[in-house]
Amino acid sequence: MDAARAVWLVRHALLLSLQIAAPALAAAAAVGLVVAAVGVPLRLQDAGVTTVARLVAVALVVVATFGAGAQAAAGFARHVWSSMGQWVR
């Protein structure tokens, strides 16, 4: 495998992992902001509230997007596997 193909493979693998993780990361950030905005006026200082809210939100988003993420990862794996013969010299 030459360097250009290795870079392509790593680049696409990283972009795919970012695409798969982005919805969960965005949900965690959004829930954190909402809980912080609600917690400041109510003087909530318990870290458990934020942690549980983020865990629930991330779990729901992961369940909702699991099929699409698994399909994208399987497509990438199929592409790599089918073109592996061209990469090996």
PDB file of N, CA and C in Angstrom:
ATOM      1  N   MET A   1       0.857  -1.163   0.000  1.00  0.00           N
ATOM      2  CA  MET A   1       0.000   0.000   0.000  1.00  0.00           C
ATOM      3  C   MET A   1       0.910   1.235   0.000  1.00  0.00           C
ATOM      4  N   ASP A   2       0.632   2.134  -0.915  1.00  0.00           N
ATOM      5  CA  ASP A   2       1.434   3.353  -0.964  1.00  0.00           C
ATOM      6  C   ASP A   2       0.900   4.369   0.050  1.00  0.00           C
ATOM      7  N   ALA A   3       1.653   5.425   0.236  1.00  0.00           N
ATOM      8  CA  ALA A   3       1.328   6.405   1.274  1.00  0.00           C
ATOM      9  C   ALA A   3       0.023   7.133   0.979  1.00  0.00           C
ATOM     10  N   ALA A   4      -0.260   7.414  -0.279  1.00  0.00           N
ATOM     11  CA  ALA A   4      -1.484   8.145  -0.630  1.00  0.00           C
ATOM     12  C   ALA A   4      -2.729   7.332  -0.268  1.00  0.00           C
ATOM     13  N   ARG A   5      -2.698   6.050  -0.527  1.00  0.00           N
ATOM     14  CA  ARG A   5      -3.849   5.211  -0.181  1.00  0.00           C
ATOM     15  C   ARG A   5      -3.995   5.054   1.325  1.00  0.00           C
ATOM     16  N   ALA A   6      -2.893   4.974   2.030  1.00  0.00           N
ATOM     17  CA  ALA A   6      -2.961   4.879   3.492  1.00  0.00           C
ATOM     18  C   ALA A   6      -3.546   6.153   4.079  1.00  0.00           C
ATOM     19  N   VAL A   7      -3.131   7.293   3.555  1.00  0.00           N
ATOM     20  CA  VAL A   7      -3.679   8.569   4.022  1.00  0.00           C
ATOM     21  C   VAL A   7      -5.168   8.648   3.713  1.00  0.00           C
ATOM     22  N   TRP A   8      -5.562   8.210   2.516  1.00  0.00           N
ATOM     23  CA  TRP A   8      -6.974   8.212   2.149  1.00  0.00           C
ATOM     24  C   TRP A   8      -7.781   7.343   3.110  1.00  0.00           C
ATOM     25  N   LEU A   9      -7.261   6.169   3.393  1.00  0.00           N
ATOM     26  CA  LEU A   9      -7.960   5.235   4.272  1.00  0.00           C
ATOM     27  C   LEU A   9      -8.119   5.808   5.677  1.00  0.00           C
ATOM     28  N   VAL A  10      -7.067   6.350   6.219  1.00  0.00           N
ATOM     29  CA  VAL A  10      -7.128   6.921   7.572  1.00  0.00           C
ATOM     30  C   VAL A  10      -8.038   8.140   7.590  1.00  0.00           C
ATOM     31  N   ARG A  11      -7.940   8.977   6.560  1.00  0.00           N
ATOM     32  CA  ARG A  11      -8.778  10.186   6.506  1.00  0.00           C
ATOM     33  C   ARG A  11     -10.257   9.826   6.474  1.00  0.00           C
ATOM     34  N   HIS A  12     -10.613   8.895   5.619  1.00  0.00           N
ATOM     35  CA  HIS A  12     -12.023   8.516   5.522  1.00  0.00           C
ATOM     36  C   HIS A  12     -12.510   7.785   6.769  1.00  0.00           C
ATOM     37  N   ALA A  13     -11.656   7.014   7.386  1.00  0.00           N
ATOM     38  CA  ALA A  13     -12.039   6.342   8.631  1.00  0.00           C
ATOM     39  C   ALA A  13     -12.294   7.367   9.747  1.00  0.00           C
ATOM     40  N   LEU A  14     -11.449   8.379   9.831  1.00  0.00           N
ATOM     41  CA  LEU A  14     -11.647   9.422  10.849  1.00  0.00           C
ATOM     42  C   LEU A  14     -12.896  10.254  10.572  1.00  0.00           C
ATOM     43  N   LEU A  15     -13.126  10.596   9.303  1.00  0.00           N
ATOM     44  CA  LEU A  15     -14.325  11.352   8.971  1.00  0.00           C
ATOM     45  C   LEU A  15     -15.593  10.546   9.238  1.00  0.00           C
ATOM     46  N   LEU A  16     -15.533   9.266   8.951  1.00  0.00           N
ATOM     47  CA  LEU A  16     -16.693   8.411   9.222  1.00  0.00           C
ATOM     48  C   LEU A  16     -16.964   8.312  10.719  1.00  0.00           C
ATOM     49  N   SER A  17     -15.919   8.160  11.511  1.00  0.00           N
ATOM     50  CA  SER A  17     -16.117   8.090  12.960  1.00  0.00           C
ATOM     51  C   SER A  17     -16.662   9.404  13.500  1.00  0.00           C
ATOM     52  N   LEU A  18     -16.244  10.530  12.923  1.00  0.00           N
ATOM     53  CA  LEU A  18     -16.784  11.825  13.334  1.00  0.00           C
ATOM     54  C   LEU A  18     -18.251  11.950  12.946  1.00  0.00           C
ATOM     55  N   GLN A  19     -18.614  11.477  11.757  1.00  0.00           N
ATOM     56  CA  GLN A  19     -20.011  11.506  11.338  1.00  0.00           C
ATOM     57  C   GLN A  19     -20.886  10.648  12.246  1.00  0.00           C
ATOM     58  N   ILE A  20     -20.372   9.510  12.658  1.00  0.00           N
ATOM     59  CA  ILE A  20     -21.156   8.621  13.505  1.00  0.00           C
ATOM     60  C   ILE A  20     -21.299   9.191  14.908  1.00  0.00           C
ATOM     61  N   ALA A  21     -20.251   9.830  15.428  1.00  0.00           N
ATOM     62  CA  ALA A  21     -20.272  10.340  16.803  1.00  0.00           C
ATOM     63  C   ALA A  21     -20.886  11.728  16.928  1.00  0.00           C
ATOM     64  N   ALA A  22     -20.974  12.483  15.838  1.00  0.00           N
ATOM     65  CA  ALA A  22     -21.428  13.871  15.909  1.00  0.00           C
ATOM     66  C   ALA A  22     -22.817  14.054  16.526  1.00  0.00           C
ATOM     67  N   PRO A  23     -23.816  13.254  16.183  1.00  0.00           N
ATOM     68  CA  PRO A  23     -25.128  13.471  16.808  1.00  0.00           C
ATOM     69  C   PRO A  23     -25.108  13.293  18.322  1.00  0.00           C
ATOM     70  N   ALA A  24     -24.394  12.300  18.811  1.00  0.00           N
ATOM     71  CA  ALA A  24     -24.328  12.085  20.258  1.00  0.00           C
ATOM     72  C   ALA A  24     -23.572  13.217  20.945  1.00  0.00           C
ATOM     73  N   LEU A  25     -22.500  13.680  20.337  1.00  0.00           N
ATOM     74  CA  LEU A  25     -21.746  14.797  20.910  1.00  0.00           C
ATOM     75  C   LEU A  25     -22.574  16.071  20.920  1.00  0.00           C
ATOM     76  N   ALA A  26     -23.309  16.316  19.846  1.00  0.00           N
ATOM     77  CA  ALA A  26     -24.161  17.507  19.785  1.00  0.00           C
ATOM     78  C   ALA A  26     -25.274  17.431  20.832  1.00  0.00           C
ATOM     79  N   ALA A  27     -25.846  16.251  21.025  1.00  0.00           N
ATOM     80  CA  ALA A  27     -26.896  16.100  22.039  1.00  0.00           C
ATOM     81  C   ALA A  27     -26.342  16.338  23.433  1.00  0.00           C
ATOM     82  N   ALA A  28     -25.160  15.828  23.709  1.00  0.00           N
ATOM     83  CA  ALA A  28     -24.551  16.043  25.025  1.00  0.00           C
ATOM     84  C   ALA A  28     -24.273  17.520  25.263  1.00  0.00           C
ATOM     85  N   ALA A  29     -23.785  18.210  24.249  1.00  0.00           N
ATOM     86  CA  ALA A  29     -23.506  19.645  24.391  1.00  0.00           C
ATOM     87  C   ALA A  29     -24.797  20.438  24.580  1.00  0.00           C
ATOM     88  N   ALA A  30     -25.817  20.104  23.799  1.00  0.00           N
ATOM     89  CA  ALA A  30     -27.087  20.829  23.903  1.00  0.00           C
ATOM     90  C   ALA A  30     -27.741  20.620  25.261  1.00  0.00           C
ATOM     91  N   VAL A  31     -27.762  19.387  25.726  1.00  0.00           N
ATOM     92  CA  VAL A  31     -28.355  19.106  27.036  1.00  0.00           C
ATOM     93  C   VAL A  31     -27.559  19.785  28.139  1.00  0.00           C
ATOM     94  N   GLY A  32     -26.258  19.800  28.022  1.00  0.00           N
ATOM     95  CA  GLY A  32     -25.434  20.486  29.009  1.00  0.00           C
ATOM     96  C   GLY A  32     -25.745  21.969  29.078  1.00  0.00           C
ATOM     97  N   LEU A  33     -25.922  22.587  27.907  1.00  0.00           N
ATOM     98  CA  LEU A  33     -26.260  24.008  27.883  1.00  0.00           C
ATOM     99  C   LEU A  33     -27.640  24.285  28.463  1.00  0.00           C
ATOM    100  N   VAL A  34     -28.603  23.426  28.118  1.00  0.00           N
ATOM    101  CA  VAL A  34     -29.963  23.628  28.629  1.00  0.00           C
ATOM    102  C   VAL A  34     -30.003  23.430  30.135  1.00  0.00           C
ATOM    103  N   VAL A  35     -29.376  22.393  30.628  1.00  0.00           N
ATOM    104  CA  VAL A  35     -29.380  22.143  32.069  1.00  0.00           C
ATOM    105  C   VAL A  35     -28.651  23.264  32.805  1.00  0.00           C
ATOM    106  N   ALA A  36     -27.578  23.760  32.223  1.00  0.00           N
ATOM    107  CA  ALA A  36     -26.860  24.869  32.852  1.00  0.00           C
ATOM    108  C   ALA A  36     -27.702  26.132  32.852  1.00  0.00           C
ATOM    109  N   ALA A  37     -28.402  26.394  31.753  1.00  0.00           N
ATOM    110  CA  ALA A  37     -29.244  27.592  31.683  1.00  0.00           C
ATOM    111  C   ALA A  37     -30.416  27.519  32.652  1.00  0.00           C
ATOM    112  N   VAL A  38     -30.954  26.337  32.853  1.00  0.00           N
ATOM    113  CA  VAL A  38     -32.052  26.167  33.797  1.00  0.00           C
ATOM    114  C   VAL A  38     -31.524  26.093  35.228  1.00  0.00           C
ATOM    115  N   GLY A  39     -30.368  25.532  35.406  1.00  0.00           N
ATOM    116  CA  GLY A  39     -29.820  25.322  36.739  1.00  0.00           C
ATOM    117  C   GLY A  39     -29.317  26.578  37.413  1.00  0.00           C
ATOM    118  N   VAL A  40     -28.844  27.545  36.632  1.00  0.00           N
ATOM    119  CA  VAL A  40     -28.305  28.768  37.237  1.00  0.00           C
ATOM    120  C   VAL A  40     -29.387  29.554  37.964  1.00  0.00           C
ATOM    121  N   PRO A  41     -30.536  29.845  37.350  1.00  0.00           N
ATOM    122  CA  PRO A  41     -31.549  30.589  38.105  1.00  0.00           C
ATOM    123  C   PRO A  41     -32.130  29.792  39.278  1.00  0.00           C
ATOM    124  N   LEU A  42     -32.163  28.478  39.146  1.00  0.00           N
ATOM    125  CA  LEU A  42     -32.716  27.644  40.214  1.00  0.00           C
ATOM    126  C   LEU A  42     -31.668  27.253  41.246  1.00  0.00           C
ATOM    127  N   ARG A  43     -30.440  27.648  41.024  1.00  0.00           N
ATOM    128  CA  ARG A  43     -29.311  27.370  41.919  1.00  0.00           C
ATOM    129  C   ARG A  43     -29.072  25.873  42.118  1.00  0.00           C
ATOM    130  N   LEU A  44     -29.196  25.134  41.018  1.00  0.00           N
ATOM    131  CA  LEU A  44     -28.889  23.704  41.056  1.00  0.00           C
ATOM    132  C   LEU A  44     -27.386  23.538  40.884  1.00  0.00           C
ATOM    133  N   GLN A  45     -26.731  22.963  41.852  1.00  0.00           N
ATOM    134  CA  GLN A  45     -25.292  22.777  41.774  1.00  0.00           C
ATOM    135  C   GLN A  45     -24.904  21.305  41.821  1.00  0.00           C
ATOM    136  N   ASP A  46     -25.870  20.441  41.649  1.00  0.00           N
ATOM    137  CA  ASP A  46     -25.607  19.012  41.693  1.00  0.00           C
ATOM    138  C   ASP A  46     -25.107  18.541  40.331  1.00  0.00           C
ATOM    139  N   ALA A  47     -23.942  17.945  40.298  1.00  0.00           N
ATOM    140  CA  ALA A  47     -23.379  17.454  39.039  1.00  0.00           C
ATOM    141  C   ALA A  47     -24.137  16.239  38.530  1.00  0.00           C
ATOM    142  N   GLY A  48     -24.825  15.542  39.412  1.00  0.00           N
ATOM    143  CA  GLY A  48     -25.580  14.363  38.996  1.00  0.00           C
ATOM    144  C   GLY A  48     -26.715  14.690  38.056  1.00  0.00           C
ATOM    145  N   VAL A  49     -27.322  15.848  38.220  1.00  0.00           N
ATOM    146  CA  VAL A  49     -28.422  16.244  37.332  1.00  0.00           C
ATOM    147  C   VAL A  49     -27.917  16.376  35.907  1.00  0.00           C
ATOM    148  N   THR A  50     -26.815  17.063  35.733  1.00  0.00           N
ATOM    149  CA  THR A  50     -26.245  17.241  34.394  1.00  0.00           C
ATOM    150  C   THR A  50     -25.787  15.909  33.818  1.00  0.00           C
ATOM    151  N   THR A  51     -25.152  15.095  34.644  1.00  0.00           N
ATOM    152  CA  THR A  51     -24.623  13.819  34.161  1.00  0.00           C
ATOM    153  C   THR A  51     -25.737  12.883  33.723  1.00  0.00           C
ATOM    154  N   VAL A  52     -26.764  12.768  34.531  1.00  0.00           N
ATOM    155  CA  VAL A  52     -27.874  11.867  34.186  1.00  0.00           C
ATOM    156  C   VAL A  52     -28.610  12.371  32.952  1.00  0.00           C
ATOM    157  N   ALA A  53     -28.824  13.673  32.867  1.00  0.00           N
ATOM    158  CA  ALA A  53     -29.517  14.226  31.704  1.00  0.00           C
ATOM    159  C   ALA A  53     -28.710  13.984  30.427  1.00  0.00           C
ATOM    160  N   ARG A  54     -27.405  14.175  30.505  1.00  0.00           N
ATOM    161  CA  ARG A  54     -26.567  13.923  29.329  1.00  0.00           C
ATOM    162  C   ARG A  54     -26.547  12.451  28.953  1.00  0.00           C
ATOM    163  N   LEU A  55     -26.449  11.581  29.943  1.00  0.00           N
ATOM    164  CA  LEU A  55     -26.441  10.138  29.657  1.00  0.00           C
ATOM    165  C   LEU A  55     -27.726   9.695  28.976  1.00  0.00           C
ATOM    166  N   VAL A  56     -28.853  10.187  29.464  1.00  0.00           N
ATOM    167  CA  VAL A  56     -30.136   9.813  28.869  1.00  0.00           C
ATOM    168  C   VAL A  56     -30.230  10.343  27.434  1.00  0.00           C
ATOM    169  N   ALA A  57     -29.841  11.594  27.239  1.00  0.00           N
ATOM    170  CA  ALA A  57     -29.915  12.181  25.900  1.00  0.00           C
ATOM    171  C   ALA A  57     -28.994  11.452  24.924  1.00  0.00           C
ATOM    172  N   VAL A  58     -27.780  11.176  25.348  1.00  0.00           N
ATOM    173  CA  VAL A  58     -26.834  10.479  24.467  1.00  0.00           C
ATOM    174  C   VAL A  58     -27.321   9.063  24.174  1.00  0.00           C
ATOM    175  N   ALA A  59     -27.857   8.382  25.165  1.00  0.00           N
ATOM    176  CA  ALA A  59     -28.373   7.030  24.937  1.00  0.00           C
ATOM    177  C   ALA A  59     -29.518   7.045  23.931  1.00  0.00           C
ATOM    178  N   LEU A  60     -30.422   8.018  24.045  1.00  0.00           N
ATOM    179  CA  LEU A  60     -31.536   8.105  23.093  1.00  0.00           C
ATOM    180  C   LEU A  60     -31.043   8.403  21.680  1.00  0.00           C
ATOM    181  N   VAL A  61     -30.065   9.285  21.560  1.00  0.00           N
ATOM    182  CA  VAL A  61     -29.536   9.621  20.241  1.00  0.00           C
ATOM    183  C   VAL A  61     -28.786   8.434  19.650  1.00  0.00           C
ATOM    184  N   VAL A  62     -28.034   7.720  20.453  1.00  0.00           N
ATOM    185  CA  VAL A  62     -27.306   6.550  19.953  1.00  0.00           C
ATOM    186  C   VAL A  62     -28.288   5.483  19.473  1.00  0.00           C
ATOM    187  N   VAL A  63     -29.346   5.261  20.222  1.00  0.00           N
ATOM    188  CA  VAL A  63     -30.351   4.282  19.801  1.00  0.00           C
ATOM    189  C   VAL A  63     -31.019   4.722  18.505  1.00  0.00           C
ATOM    190  N   ALA A  64     -31.299   6.024  18.393  1.00  0.00           N
ATOM    191  CA  ALA A  64     -31.986   6.529  17.203  1.00  0.00           C
ATOM    192  C   ALA A  64     -31.101   6.493  15.960  1.00  0.00           C
ATOM    193  N   THR A  65     -29.798   6.698  16.126  1.00  0.00           N
ATOM    194  CA  THR A  65     -28.908   6.780  14.963  1.00  0.00           C
ATOM    195  C   THR A  65     -28.047   5.545  14.759  1.00  0.00           C
ATOM    196  N   PHE A  66     -28.275   4.509  15.537  1.00  0.00           N
ATOM    197  CA  PHE A  66     -27.435   3.312  15.448  1.00  0.00           C
ATOM    198  C   PHE A  66     -27.512   2.662  14.077  1.00  0.00           C
ATOM    199  N   GLY A  67     -28.687   2.568  13.522  1.00  0.00           N
ATOM    200  CA  GLY A  67     -28.850   1.909  12.225  1.00  0.00           C
ATOM    201  C   GLY A  67     -28.085   2.611  11.115  1.00  0.00           C
ATOM    202  N   ALA A  68     -28.192   3.922  11.064  1.00  0.00           N
ATOM    203  CA  ALA A  68     -27.498   4.680  10.025  1.00  0.00           C
ATOM    204  C   ALA A  68     -25.989   4.603  10.217  1.00  0.00           C
ATOM    205  N   GLY A  69     -25.530   4.680  11.455  1.00  0.00           N
ATOM    206  CA  GLY A  69     -24.094   4.586  11.714  1.00  0.00           C
ATOM    207  C   GLY A  69     -23.533   3.224  11.379  1.00  0.00           C
ATOM    208  N   ALA A  70     -24.264   2.191  11.738  1.00  0.00           N
ATOM    209  CA  ALA A  70     -23.813   0.836  11.425  1.00  0.00           C
ATOM    210  C   ALA A  70     -23.804   0.594   9.926  1.00  0.00           C
ATOM    211  N   GLN A  71     -24.788   1.147   9.235  1.00  0.00           N
ATOM    212  CA  GLN A  71     -24.848   0.993   7.785  1.00  0.00           C
ATOM    213  C   GLN A  71     -23.675   1.712   7.116  1.00  0.00           C
ATOM    214  N   ALA A  72     -23.338   2.910   7.590  1.00  0.00           N
ATOM    215  CA  ALA A  72     -22.215   3.655   7.021  1.00  0.00           C
ATOM    216  C   ALA A  72     -20.895   2.930   7.295  1.00  0.00           C
ATOM    217  N   ALA A  73     -20.724   2.419   8.507  1.00  0.00           N
ATOM    218  CA  ALA A  73     -19.501   1.691   8.837  1.00  0.00           C
ATOM    219  C   ALA A  73     -19.387   0.410   8.023  1.00  0.00           C
ATOM    220  N   ALA A  74     -20.501  -0.281   7.833  1.00  0.00           N
ATOM    221  CA  ALA A  74     -20.480  -1.507   7.032  1.00  0.00           C
ATOM    222  C   ALA A  74     -20.168  -1.199   5.570  1.00  0.00           C
ATOM    223  N   GLY A  75     -20.693  -0.100   5.054  1.00  0.00           N
ATOM    224  CA  GLY A  75     -20.385   0.300   3.683  1.00  0.00           C
ATOM    225  C   GLY A  75     -18.918   0.621   3.496  1.00  0.00           C
ATOM    226  N   PHE A  76     -18.344   1.314   4.479  1.00  0.00           N
ATOM    227  CA  PHE A  76     -16.915   1.628   4.422  1.00  0.00           C
ATOM    228  C   PHE A  76     -16.091   0.345   4.492  1.00  0.00           C
ATOM    229  N   ALA A  77     -16.466  -0.564   5.377  1.00  0.00           N
ATOM    230  CA  ALA A  77     -15.740  -1.826   5.505  1.00  0.00           C
ATOM    231  C   ALA A  77     -15.844  -2.648   4.222  1.00  0.00           C
ATOM    232  N   ARG A  78     -17.032  -2.657   3.607  1.00  0.00           N
ATOM    233  CA  ARG A  78     -17.195  -3.374   2.339  1.00  0.00           C
ATOM    234  C   ARG A  78     -16.304  -2.780   1.256  1.00  0.00           C
ATOM    235  N   HIS A  79     -16.251  -1.454   1.203  1.00  0.00           N
ATOM    236  CA  HIS A  79     -15.417  -0.796   0.197  1.00  0.00           C
ATOM    237  C   HIS A  79     -13.936  -1.124   0.410  1.00  0.00           C
ATOM    238  N   VAL A  80     -13.498  -1.059   1.654  1.00  0.00           N
ATOM    239  CA  VAL A  80     -12.092  -1.368   1.953  1.00  0.00           C
ATOM    240  C   VAL A  80     -11.794  -2.817   1.617  1.00  0.00           C
ATOM    241  N   TRP A  81     -12.677  -3.704   2.009  1.00  0.00           N
ATOM    242  CA  TRP A  81     -12.456  -5.130   1.777  1.00  0.00           C
ATOM    243  C   TRP A  81     -12.437  -5.452   0.283  1.00  0.00           C
ATOM    244  N   SER A  82     -13.331  -4.845  -0.482  1.00  0.00           N
ATOM    245  CA  SER A  82     -13.387  -5.153  -1.909  1.00  0.00           C
ATOM    246  C   SER A  82     -12.212  -4.558  -2.676  1.00  0.00           C
ATOM    247  N   SER A  83     -11.662  -3.458  -2.199  1.00  0.00           N
ATOM    248  CA  SER A  83     -10.540  -2.843  -2.915  1.00  0.00           C
ATOM    249  C   SER A  83      -9.179  -3.214  -2.322  1.00  0.00           C
ATOM    250  N   MET A  84      -9.164  -4.126  -1.369  1.00  0.00           N
ATOM    251  CA  MET A  84      -7.910  -4.503  -0.718  1.00  0.00           C
ATOM    252  C   MET A  84      -6.941  -5.176  -1.688  1.00  0.00           C
ATOM    253  N   GLY A  85      -7.450  -5.890  -2.661  1.00  0.00           N
ATOM    254  CA  GLY A  85      -6.591  -6.546  -3.631  1.00  0.00           C
ATOM    255  C   GLY A  85      -5.782  -5.564  -4.453  1.00  0.00           C
ATOM    256  N   GLN A  86      -6.326  -4.377  -4.686  1.00  0.00           N
ATOM    257  CA  GLN A  86      -5.612  -3.350  -5.443  1.00  0.00           C
ATOM    258  C   GLN A  86      -4.522  -2.711  -4.594  1.00  0.00           C
ATOM    259  N   TRP A  87      -4.697  -2.704  -3.285  1.00  0.00           N
ATOM    260  CA  TRP A  87      -3.767  -2.003  -2.397  1.00  0.00           C
ATOM    261  C   TRP A  87      -2.539  -2.842  -2.061  1.00  0.00           C
ATOM    262  N   VAL A  88      -2.698  -4.154  -2.062  1.00  0.00           N
ATOM    263  CA  VAL A  88      -1.592  -5.032  -1.708  1.00  0.00           C
ATOM    264  C   VAL A  88      -0.775  -5.321  -2.942  1.00  0.00           C
ATOM    265  N   ARG A  89       0.512  -5.190  -2.795  1.00  0.00           N
ATOM    266  CA  ARG A  89       1.387  -5.458  -3.950  1.00  0.00           C
ATOM    267  C   ARG A  89       2.204  -6.679  -3.700  1.00  0.00           C
TER     268      ARG A  89
END
